[in-house]
N, C-alpha and C. Protein backbone atom coordinates (compact mmCIF):
# COMPACT_ATOMS: atom_id res chain seq x y z
N MET A 1 118.64 4.55 -9.18
CA MET A 1 118.17 3.58 -8.85
C MET A 1 116.93 3.64 -7.60
N SER A 2 116.69 2.38 -6.89
CA SER A 2 115.42 2.15 -6.01
C SER A 2 115.73 3.27 -4.79
N GLY A 3 115.21 2.54 -4.28
CA GLY A 3 115.09 3.03 -3.06
C GLY A 3 115.53 2.55 -2.10
N ILE A 4 116.04 1.14 -2.70
CA ILE A 4 116.64 0.11 -1.66
C ILE A 4 118.20 0.70 -1.85
N PRO A 5 118.36 0.81 -0.16
CA PRO A 5 119.51 0.95 0.34
C PRO A 5 120.19 0.13 -0.33
N ARG A 6 122.01 0.17 -1.10
CA ARG A 6 122.80 -0.41 -1.87
C ARG A 6 123.41 -1.66 -1.15
N ARG A 7 123.48 -1.45 0.59
CA ARG A 7 123.95 -2.23 1.00
C ARG A 7 123.40 -3.54 1.04
N HIS A 8 122.22 -2.52 1.13
CA HIS A 8 120.24 -3.92 1.76
C HIS A 8 120.88 -4.89 0.36
N LEU A 9 121.01 -4.00 -1.24
CA LEU A 9 120.45 -4.64 -2.63
C LEU A 9 121.56 -5.49 -2.80
N LEU A 10 122.74 -5.36 -2.10
CA LEU A 10 123.89 -6.52 -2.47
C LEU A 10 123.91 -7.31 -1.51
N ALA A 11 122.57 -6.93 -0.13
CA ALA A 11 122.39 -8.78 0.57
C ALA A 11 121.91 -9.55 -0.02
N ILE A 12 120.97 -9.05 -0.70
CA ILE A 12 119.40 -9.62 -1.31
C ILE A 12 120.33 -9.79 -2.40
N LEU A 13 120.49 -9.70 -3.27
CA LEU A 13 121.07 -9.89 -4.57
C LEU A 13 122.63 -11.58 -4.33
N SER A 14 123.25 -11.55 -2.74
CA SER A 14 124.24 -12.24 -2.61
C SER A 14 123.24 -13.23 -2.34
N GLY A 15 122.59 -13.47 -1.62
CA GLY A 15 121.35 -14.30 -1.33
C GLY A 15 120.41 -14.69 -2.03
N ALA A 16 120.82 -13.98 -3.51
CA ALA A 16 120.37 -15.49 -4.62
C ALA A 16 121.65 -16.17 -5.15
N VAL A 17 121.84 -15.65 -4.75
CA VAL A 17 123.51 -16.21 -5.48
C VAL A 17 123.93 -17.27 -4.53
N ILE A 18 123.85 -17.37 -3.40
CA ILE A 18 124.12 -17.84 -1.97
C ILE A 18 124.19 -19.23 -2.15
N PRO A 19 123.97 -20.47 -1.68
CA PRO A 19 123.46 -21.65 -1.48
C PRO A 19 122.41 -21.31 -0.27
N ALA A 20 121.40 -21.71 -0.17
CA ALA A 20 120.73 -21.53 1.26
C ALA A 20 121.29 -22.69 2.05
N PRO A 21 121.09 -22.75 3.59
CA PRO A 21 120.94 -23.78 4.05
C PRO A 21 119.81 -25.13 3.50
N ALA A 22 119.95 -25.77 3.95
CA ALA A 22 118.85 -26.92 3.76
C ALA A 22 117.67 -27.14 5.43
N PHE A 23 116.27 -26.89 4.80
CA PHE A 23 115.39 -26.29 5.33
C PHE A 23 114.59 -28.07 5.38
N ALA A 24 113.79 -28.92 6.37
CA ALA A 24 112.88 -30.10 7.02
C ALA A 24 112.10 -30.58 5.79
N GLY A 25 112.67 -31.63 4.70
CA GLY A 25 111.65 -31.71 3.53
C GLY A 25 112.37 -31.55 2.20
N SER A 26 113.99 -30.01 2.14
CA SER A 26 114.33 -29.58 0.74
C SER A 26 115.39 -30.30 0.56
N VAL A 27 115.99 -30.70 -1.40
CA VAL A 27 117.12 -31.03 -1.20
C VAL A 27 117.66 -30.55 -0.82
N PHE A 28 118.94 -31.45 -0.47
CA PHE A 28 120.27 -30.92 -0.19
C PHE A 28 121.56 -31.53 -0.48
N ALA A 29 122.45 -31.03 -1.53
CA ALA A 29 122.25 -30.68 -2.68
C ALA A 29 124.22 -30.01 -2.72
N PRO A 30 125.26 -30.81 -1.54
CA PRO A 30 126.28 -29.68 -1.57
C PRO A 30 127.04 -29.94 -2.48
N PRO A 31 127.56 -28.55 -4.02
CA PRO A 31 128.88 -29.12 -4.42
C PRO A 31 129.55 -30.80 -5.11
N GLN A 32 130.67 -29.74 -4.46
CA GLN A 32 131.66 -30.09 -3.75
C GLN A 32 131.20 -31.98 -3.27
N HIS A 33 130.49 -32.25 -2.80
CA HIS A 33 130.47 -33.88 -2.54
C HIS A 33 129.77 -34.49 -4.08
N PHE A 34 129.27 -34.24 -4.03
CA PHE A 34 128.32 -34.80 -5.63
C PHE A 34 126.62 -35.78 -5.38
N PHE A 35 126.19 -35.07 -4.70
CA PHE A 35 125.28 -35.91 -4.56
C PHE A 35 124.05 -34.85 -3.82
N SER A 36 122.78 -35.28 -4.05
CA SER A 36 122.08 -34.95 -3.74
C SER A 36 120.54 -35.89 -2.25
N VAL A 37 120.57 -34.92 -1.53
CA VAL A 37 119.17 -35.49 -0.64
C VAL A 37 118.10 -35.26 -0.14
N GLU A 38 117.16 -36.17 -0.06
CA GLU A 38 116.13 -35.16 1.00
C GLU A 38 116.07 -35.18 3.00
N PHE A 39 116.68 -34.43 3.29
CA PHE A 39 116.67 -34.70 4.64
C PHE A 39 115.85 -34.77 5.86
N PRO A 40 114.82 -35.15 6.58
CA PRO A 40 113.33 -34.58 7.44
C PRO A 40 114.06 -32.88 8.16
N THR A 41 115.67 -33.04 8.46
CA THR A 41 115.74 -32.01 9.25
C THR A 41 117.06 -31.13 8.55
N PRO A 42 117.57 -30.34 8.92
CA PRO A 42 118.53 -30.07 7.87
C PRO A 42 120.08 -30.74 8.87
N PRO A 43 120.92 -31.46 8.09
CA PRO A 43 122.28 -32.17 8.51
C PRO A 43 123.19 -31.17 8.84
N GLU A 44 123.67 -31.67 9.86
CA GLU A 44 125.08 -30.68 10.26
C GLU A 44 126.32 -31.99 10.20
N GLU A 45 127.39 -30.83 9.73
CA GLU A 45 127.96 -31.94 8.74
C GLU A 45 129.17 -31.88 8.64
N LYS A 46 130.12 -32.94 9.08
CA LYS A 46 131.48 -32.88 9.62
C LYS A 46 132.63 -33.65 8.34
N SER A 47 133.91 -32.77 8.77
CA SER A 47 134.11 -32.90 7.50
C SER A 47 136.23 -33.39 8.34
N SER A 48 136.26 -34.42 7.08
CA SER A 48 138.05 -34.54 8.35
C SER A 48 138.66 -35.35 6.94
N GLY A 49 140.36 -35.33 7.39
CA GLY A 49 140.90 -35.62 5.95
C GLY A 49 142.51 -36.37 6.50
N LEU A 50 142.54 -36.99 5.71
CA LEU A 50 143.91 -38.01 6.46
C LEU A 50 144.52 -38.66 5.68
N LEU A 51 145.79 -38.66 4.81
CA LEU A 51 146.66 -39.90 3.87
C LEU A 51 145.95 -39.08 2.64
N GLY A 52 145.43 -38.16 2.37
CA GLY A 52 144.89 -38.13 1.31
C GLY A 52 143.34 -38.06 0.60
N LEU A 53 142.10 -38.95 1.27
CA LEU A 53 141.48 -39.10 1.99
C LEU A 53 140.87 -38.14 2.47
N SER A 54 140.20 -37.54 1.37
CA SER A 54 138.70 -37.04 1.96
C SER A 54 138.03 -37.24 2.23
N SER A 55 136.32 -36.82 3.75
CA SER A 55 135.32 -37.36 3.81
C SER A 55 134.36 -36.58 4.76
N THR A 56 133.73 -36.46 4.69
CA THR A 56 132.41 -35.59 5.12
C THR A 56 131.66 -36.63 5.50
N THR A 57 130.37 -36.21 6.76
CA THR A 57 129.47 -36.89 6.97
C THR A 57 128.45 -35.49 7.48
N PHE A 58 127.38 -35.52 7.07
CA PHE A 58 126.09 -35.08 6.40
C PHE A 58 125.29 -35.49 7.78
N LEU A 59 124.63 -35.82 8.94
CA LEU A 59 123.90 -36.50 9.98
C LEU A 59 122.64 -34.94 10.42
N ALA A 60 121.46 -35.73 10.31
CA ALA A 60 121.09 -35.88 10.88
C ALA A 60 120.19 -36.16 11.63
N LYS A 61 119.24 -35.82 13.47
CA LYS A 61 118.75 -36.33 14.02
C LYS A 61 117.75 -36.02 13.70
N ASP A 62 116.15 -36.96 14.40
CA ASP A 62 114.50 -36.79 14.00
C ASP A 62 114.83 -38.27 14.86
N GLY A 63 114.14 -37.39 16.51
CA GLY A 63 113.68 -38.63 17.82
C GLY A 63 114.83 -39.19 17.62
N ASN A 64 114.36 -40.79 17.26
CA ASN A 64 115.04 -41.66 18.22
C ASN A 64 115.91 -42.27 16.43
N LYS A 65 115.91 -41.22 15.58
CA LYS A 65 116.19 -41.81 14.72
C LYS A 65 117.47 -40.77 13.92
N ALA A 66 118.85 -41.02 13.79
CA ALA A 66 119.54 -40.58 12.29
C ALA A 66 119.72 -41.05 11.03
N PHE A 67 119.89 -39.40 10.60
CA PHE A 67 119.82 -40.39 8.96
C PHE A 67 121.40 -39.24 8.53
N ALA A 68 122.06 -40.20 7.59
CA ALA A 68 122.50 -39.41 7.39
C ALA A 68 123.85 -40.38 5.81
N VAL A 69 124.87 -39.17 5.32
CA VAL A 69 125.25 -38.96 4.37
C VAL A 69 127.20 -39.40 4.59
N PHE A 70 127.82 -40.37 3.89
CA PHE A 70 128.49 -40.15 4.37
C PHE A 70 129.68 -39.91 2.87
N HIS A 71 130.08 -39.49 3.01
CA HIS A 71 130.77 -38.69 1.50
C HIS A 71 133.17 -38.82 1.12
N ALA A 72 133.40 -39.76 1.32
CA ALA A 72 134.83 -40.32 1.29
C ALA A 72 134.48 -39.55 -0.70
N ALA A 73 136.52 -39.29 -0.65
CA ALA A 73 136.91 -38.97 -2.05
C ALA A 73 137.97 -39.08 -1.85
N TRP A 74 138.18 -40.94 -2.37
CA TRP A 74 139.28 -41.26 -2.05
C TRP A 74 140.77 -40.76 -2.95
N PRO A 75 142.02 -40.81 -2.71
CA PRO A 75 143.16 -39.69 -3.43
C PRO A 75 143.29 -40.52 -4.78
N ILE A 76 142.98 -41.47 -4.87
CA ILE A 76 143.47 -42.64 -6.16
C ILE A 76 142.10 -43.90 -6.44
N GLN A 77 142.03 -43.89 -7.21
CA GLN A 77 140.51 -44.74 -7.97
C GLN A 77 141.21 -45.95 -7.91
N GLY A 78 140.21 -46.50 -6.20
CA GLY A 78 140.25 -47.79 -6.14
C GLY A 78 139.20 -48.85 -6.43
N LYS A 79 139.68 -50.74 -6.65
CA LYS A 79 138.27 -51.36 -6.70
C LYS A 79 137.39 -51.36 -5.52
N PRO A 80 136.02 -50.62 -6.24
CA PRO A 80 135.03 -50.43 -6.18
C PRO A 80 135.11 -51.08 -4.87
N ALA A 81 134.25 -52.79 -5.57
CA ALA A 81 134.30 -53.89 -3.69
C ALA A 81 135.17 -53.73 -2.67
N LEU A 82 136.55 -52.62 -2.65
CA LEU A 82 137.34 -53.59 -1.77
C LEU A 82 136.86 -51.36 -0.80
N MET A 83 136.28 -50.00 -2.15
CA MET A 83 136.05 -49.07 -1.55
C MET A 83 134.93 -48.74 -0.86
N MET A 84 134.65 -50.11 -1.19
CA MET A 84 132.67 -49.79 -0.83
C MET A 84 132.60 -50.70 0.43
N GLN A 85 133.95 -51.74 1.06
CA GLN A 85 133.92 -52.43 1.60
C GLN A 85 134.47 -51.97 3.01
N SER A 86 135.05 -51.26 3.20
CA SER A 86 136.22 -50.37 3.55
C SER A 86 135.50 -49.00 4.48
N MET A 87 134.48 -49.13 4.00
CA MET A 87 133.10 -48.20 4.27
C MET A 87 132.02 -49.09 5.28
N LEU A 88 132.32 -49.92 4.58
CA LEU A 88 130.96 -51.14 5.28
C LEU A 88 131.59 -51.75 7.33
N ASP A 89 133.21 -51.76 7.19
CA ASP A 89 133.57 -52.32 7.84
C ASP A 89 133.54 -50.95 9.02
N GLY A 90 133.76 -50.16 8.59
CA GLY A 90 133.72 -49.07 9.66
C GLY A 90 132.62 -48.27 10.05
N LEU A 91 131.65 -48.07 9.34
CA LEU A 91 130.26 -48.49 10.49
C LEU A 91 130.36 -48.64 11.16
N VAL A 92 129.98 -50.87 10.93
CA VAL A 92 129.87 -51.47 11.75
C VAL A 92 130.84 -51.34 12.71
N GLU A 93 132.42 -51.20 12.81
CA GLU A 93 133.18 -50.82 14.07
C GLU A 93 132.52 -49.92 14.83
N ARG A 94 131.84 -49.22 14.10
CA ARG A 94 131.72 -47.30 15.60
C ARG A 94 130.14 -48.41 15.74
N VAL A 95 129.55 -48.72 16.03
CA VAL A 95 128.15 -49.04 16.54
C VAL A 95 128.45 -50.22 17.47
N SER A 96 130.04 -50.66 16.65
CA SER A 96 129.90 -52.31 17.42
C SER A 96 129.23 -53.11 17.51
N GLY A 97 128.73 -53.67 15.79
CA GLY A 97 127.49 -54.11 16.06
C GLY A 97 128.16 -55.36 14.32
N GLU A 98 126.81 -55.57 14.10
CA GLU A 98 126.93 -56.78 13.43
C GLU A 98 125.62 -56.29 11.75
N PHE A 99 126.42 -56.85 11.14
CA PHE A 99 125.87 -57.10 9.74
C PHE A 99 124.38 -58.02 9.43
N LEU A 100 123.12 -57.88 9.46
CA LEU A 100 122.02 -58.64 9.03
C LEU A 100 121.92 -59.41 7.77
N SER A 101 122.69 -58.18 7.18
CA SER A 101 122.30 -58.62 5.61
C SER A 101 123.52 -57.64 5.05
N ILE A 102 123.84 -58.27 4.05
CA ILE A 102 124.75 -57.40 2.60
C ILE A 102 123.97 -57.72 1.18
N ASP A 103 123.26 -57.21 0.44
CA ASP A 103 123.17 -57.60 -1.28
C ASP A 103 124.19 -56.59 -2.20
N LYS A 104 124.60 -57.60 -3.03
CA LYS A 104 125.34 -56.55 -4.45
C LYS A 104 124.08 -56.07 -4.77
N THR A 105 124.03 -54.85 -5.14
CA THR A 105 123.17 -54.34 -5.60
C THR A 105 124.24 -53.28 -7.50
N GLU A 106 122.71 -52.40 -7.70
CA GLU A 106 123.88 -51.71 -8.93
C GLU A 106 122.37 -50.63 -8.47
N PHE A 107 123.01 -48.74 -8.57
CA PHE A 107 122.84 -48.00 -8.45
C PHE A 107 122.39 -46.99 -10.07
N LYS A 108 121.79 -46.52 -10.15
CA LYS A 108 121.51 -45.46 -11.95
C LYS A 108 121.95 -44.45 -10.35
N SER A 109 122.81 -43.57 -11.31
CA SER A 109 123.02 -42.35 -10.84
C SER A 109 122.56 -41.70 -12.12
N SER A 110 122.28 -40.30 -11.89
CA SER A 110 121.54 -38.92 -11.68
C SER A 110 122.09 -38.45 -14.46
N SER A 111 123.81 -39.15 -14.17
CA SER A 111 124.02 -38.99 -15.46
C SER A 111 122.72 -41.01 -16.46
N GLY A 112 122.41 -41.45 -15.34
CA GLY A 112 122.35 -42.83 -16.34
C GLY A 112 123.20 -44.06 -16.26
N ALA A 113 124.91 -43.60 -15.14
CA ALA A 113 125.27 -44.60 -15.69
C ALA A 113 125.03 -45.22 -14.02
N MET A 114 125.43 -46.82 -14.46
CA MET A 114 124.62 -48.00 -12.93
C MET A 114 126.06 -48.16 -12.59
N LEU A 115 125.93 -48.14 -11.14
CA LEU A 115 127.03 -47.84 -10.29
C LEU A 115 127.30 -48.78 -9.50
N PRO A 116 128.19 -49.75 -9.16
CA PRO A 116 128.62 -50.72 -8.21
C PRO A 116 127.54 -50.23 -6.67
N ALA A 117 126.94 -51.78 -5.45
CA ALA A 117 126.92 -50.60 -5.19
C ALA A 117 126.28 -52.08 -4.27
N LYS A 118 125.61 -51.87 -2.59
CA LYS A 118 126.19 -52.94 -1.97
C LYS A 118 124.45 -51.93 -0.89
N ARG A 119 123.32 -52.85 -0.33
CA ARG A 119 122.43 -52.54 0.05
C ARG A 119 122.75 -53.07 1.65
N PHE A 120 122.64 -52.55 2.41
CA PHE A 120 123.08 -53.45 4.16
C PHE A 120 121.91 -53.10 5.08
N THR A 121 121.67 -54.13 5.95
CA THR A 121 121.01 -53.14 7.83
C THR A 121 121.78 -54.78 8.28
N PHE A 122 122.07 -53.89 9.30
CA PHE A 122 123.46 -54.08 10.83
C PHE A 122 122.03 -54.31 11.82
N SER A 123 123.04 -54.39 12.69
CA SER A 123 122.42 -54.44 14.65
C SER A 123 123.17 -54.11 15.57
N SER A 124 123.02 -53.59 16.61
CA SER A 124 124.09 -53.94 17.87
C SER A 124 122.90 -53.79 19.13
N ASP A 125 123.33 -54.09 20.15
CA ASP A 125 123.00 -54.11 21.26
C ASP A 125 122.37 -52.77 21.08
N LYS A 126 122.22 -51.66 20.78
CA LYS A 126 121.72 -50.42 20.98
C LYS A 126 120.47 -50.22 19.94
N VAL A 127 121.06 -50.17 18.68
CA VAL A 127 121.01 -49.74 17.76
C VAL A 127 120.72 -50.68 16.18
N TRP A 128 119.84 -50.26 14.73
CA TRP A 128 119.01 -50.55 14.06
C TRP A 128 119.79 -49.93 12.76
N GLY A 129 120.10 -50.48 12.06
CA GLY A 129 120.27 -49.28 11.04
C GLY A 129 120.77 -50.28 9.39
N GLY A 130 120.10 -49.91 8.17
CA GLY A 130 120.34 -49.57 6.79
C GLY A 130 120.73 -48.26 5.86
N GLY A 131 121.66 -48.93 4.78
CA GLY A 131 121.11 -48.34 3.88
C GLY A 131 121.42 -49.11 2.88
N LEU A 132 122.66 -47.90 2.12
CA LEU A 132 123.28 -48.32 0.76
C LEU A 132 125.33 -47.52 1.11
N THR A 133 125.39 -48.48 0.25
CA THR A 133 126.73 -47.97 -0.37
C THR A 133 127.09 -47.83 -1.40
N THR A 134 127.90 -47.22 -2.26
CA THR A 134 128.47 -47.05 -4.18
C THR A 134 129.29 -46.19 -4.05
N VAL A 135 129.89 -46.73 -5.39
CA VAL A 135 131.34 -46.26 -5.53
C VAL A 135 130.93 -45.12 -6.93
N SER A 136 131.67 -43.64 -7.88
CA SER A 136 131.46 -43.51 -9.22
C SER A 136 132.74 -43.25 -8.91
N GLY A 137 134.20 -43.27 -9.56
CA GLY A 137 135.22 -43.35 -9.57
C GLY A 137 135.81 -42.55 -8.32
N PRO A 138 136.30 -42.35 -7.58
CA PRO A 138 137.32 -42.13 -6.32
C PRO A 138 136.54 -41.85 -5.27
N HIS A 139 135.27 -41.29 -5.71
CA HIS A 139 134.14 -40.97 -4.87
C HIS A 139 133.22 -42.29 -4.37
N THR A 140 133.69 -42.56 -2.84
CA THR A 140 132.66 -43.54 -2.22
C THR A 140 131.55 -42.35 -1.32
N PHE A 141 130.41 -42.99 -1.37
CA PHE A 141 128.66 -42.47 -0.76
C PHE A 141 128.53 -44.23 -0.11
N LEU A 142 128.05 -43.55 1.00
CA LEU A 142 127.68 -44.65 2.11
C LEU A 142 125.94 -43.56 3.11
N VAL A 143 124.83 -44.20 3.22
CA VAL A 143 123.73 -43.11 2.54
C VAL A 143 122.57 -43.86 3.92
N GLN A 144 122.78 -43.72 4.93
CA GLN A 144 122.19 -45.10 5.87
C GLN A 144 121.17 -43.91 7.11
N VAL A 145 119.88 -44.92 7.77
CA VAL A 145 119.38 -44.44 8.60
C VAL A 145 119.61 -45.37 9.66
N MET A 146 119.64 -45.15 10.90
CA MET A 146 119.75 -45.29 11.84
C MET A 146 118.96 -45.21 13.10
N LYS A 147 118.38 -47.02 13.91
CA LYS A 147 117.52 -46.25 14.85
C LYS A 147 117.94 -46.56 16.47
N ARG A 148 118.01 -46.14 17.35
CA ARG A 148 117.33 -46.63 17.97
C ARG A 148 116.76 -47.88 18.60
N LYS A 149 117.66 -48.96 19.82
CA LYS A 149 115.92 -50.29 19.93
C LYS A 149 115.52 -49.39 20.74
N PRO A 150 114.35 -50.15 20.96
CA PRO A 150 112.98 -51.15 20.45
C PRO A 150 112.72 -50.41 18.39
N LEU A 151 113.28 -49.47 18.04
CA LEU A 151 112.56 -49.55 16.72
C LEU A 151 113.93 -50.13 16.02
N GLU A 152 112.97 -50.99 14.73
CA GLU A 152 113.48 -51.86 14.40
C GLU A 152 113.21 -51.76 12.53
N GLY A 153 113.83 -51.66 11.71
CA GLY A 153 113.22 -52.21 10.67
C GLY A 153 112.66 -50.31 9.53
N TRP A 154 112.51 -50.29 8.74
CA TRP A 154 112.10 -49.09 7.69
C TRP A 154 110.89 -48.57 7.59
N ASP A 155 110.31 -47.66 7.94
CA ASP A 155 109.28 -46.59 8.23
C ASP A 155 109.85 -45.59 5.94
N ALA A 156 107.89 -45.46 6.25
CA ALA A 156 108.22 -44.35 5.91
C ALA A 156 108.75 -43.42 5.41
N ALA A 157 109.19 -42.95 6.38
CA ALA A 157 110.43 -41.79 6.71
C ALA A 157 111.33 -42.22 5.87
N ASP A 158 111.92 -43.54 6.72
CA ASP A 158 113.24 -44.56 6.22
C ASP A 158 112.93 -44.45 4.96
N ARG A 159 112.70 -44.82 4.37
CA ARG A 159 112.28 -45.61 2.20
C ARG A 159 112.01 -43.63 1.86
N LYS A 160 111.86 -42.96 2.14
CA LYS A 160 111.20 -41.42 1.05
C LYS A 160 112.98 -41.22 1.53
N PHE A 161 113.18 -41.13 2.08
CA PHE A 161 114.88 -40.47 2.31
C PHE A 161 115.89 -41.36 1.76
N MET A 162 115.79 -42.81 1.91
CA MET A 162 116.92 -43.44 1.11
C MET A 162 116.32 -43.25 -0.45
N ALA A 163 115.03 -43.10 -1.01
CA ALA A 163 114.50 -42.80 -2.41
C ALA A 163 115.25 -40.96 -2.81
N SER A 164 115.21 -40.30 -2.07
CA SER A 164 115.55 -39.56 -2.90
C SER A 164 117.07 -39.73 -2.85
N PHE A 165 117.64 -40.08 -2.49
CA PHE A 165 119.34 -40.29 -2.74
C PHE A 165 119.87 -40.43 -4.09
N LYS A 166 120.70 -38.76 -4.26
CA LYS A 166 120.89 -39.82 -5.75
C LYS A 166 122.99 -38.98 -6.00
N VAL A 167 123.59 -39.42 -6.75
CA VAL A 167 124.55 -40.45 -7.58
C VAL A 167 124.57 -38.37 -8.83
N LEU A 168 125.15 -37.26 -8.40
CA LEU A 168 125.54 -36.62 -9.63
C LEU A 168 126.22 -36.79 -10.45
N ILE A 169 127.18 -37.52 -9.88
CA ILE A 169 128.32 -37.68 -10.74
C ILE A 169 127.98 -38.72 -12.24
């Protein structure tokens, strides 16, 4: 055996198998959440569960902006339009805001499936934001950028974050 002590070798090998935390500008893909995205800074993770619905929020703050992906795994597959609307209603309620736009569209998953989706923008007295919500089976995703006012609108970093989002199922 080489001159590396066994415990160090085990630690090195374990590091090759266990995913490293996300770093600025690297792809973040938590396997049990079925998406990937490129956060500008490492995200914080917060999970909850209620009545069979499990949800996890990944949030990265960068100056006066926040980048987030919310994943909900429903106990049963519901109607996609209702699942997405539930996500949107919860978002606007949390920020005490209103929608500026909601556009029905489709989102192409990494498998090539076309998923129902909605692109949106919203505003409150304190924040402006926008994003996308989509559904794949019992999974609903909401990806968004939110900014403290007076910042509004999409910049290059926002567009890069949104374009990096992929549904992996």
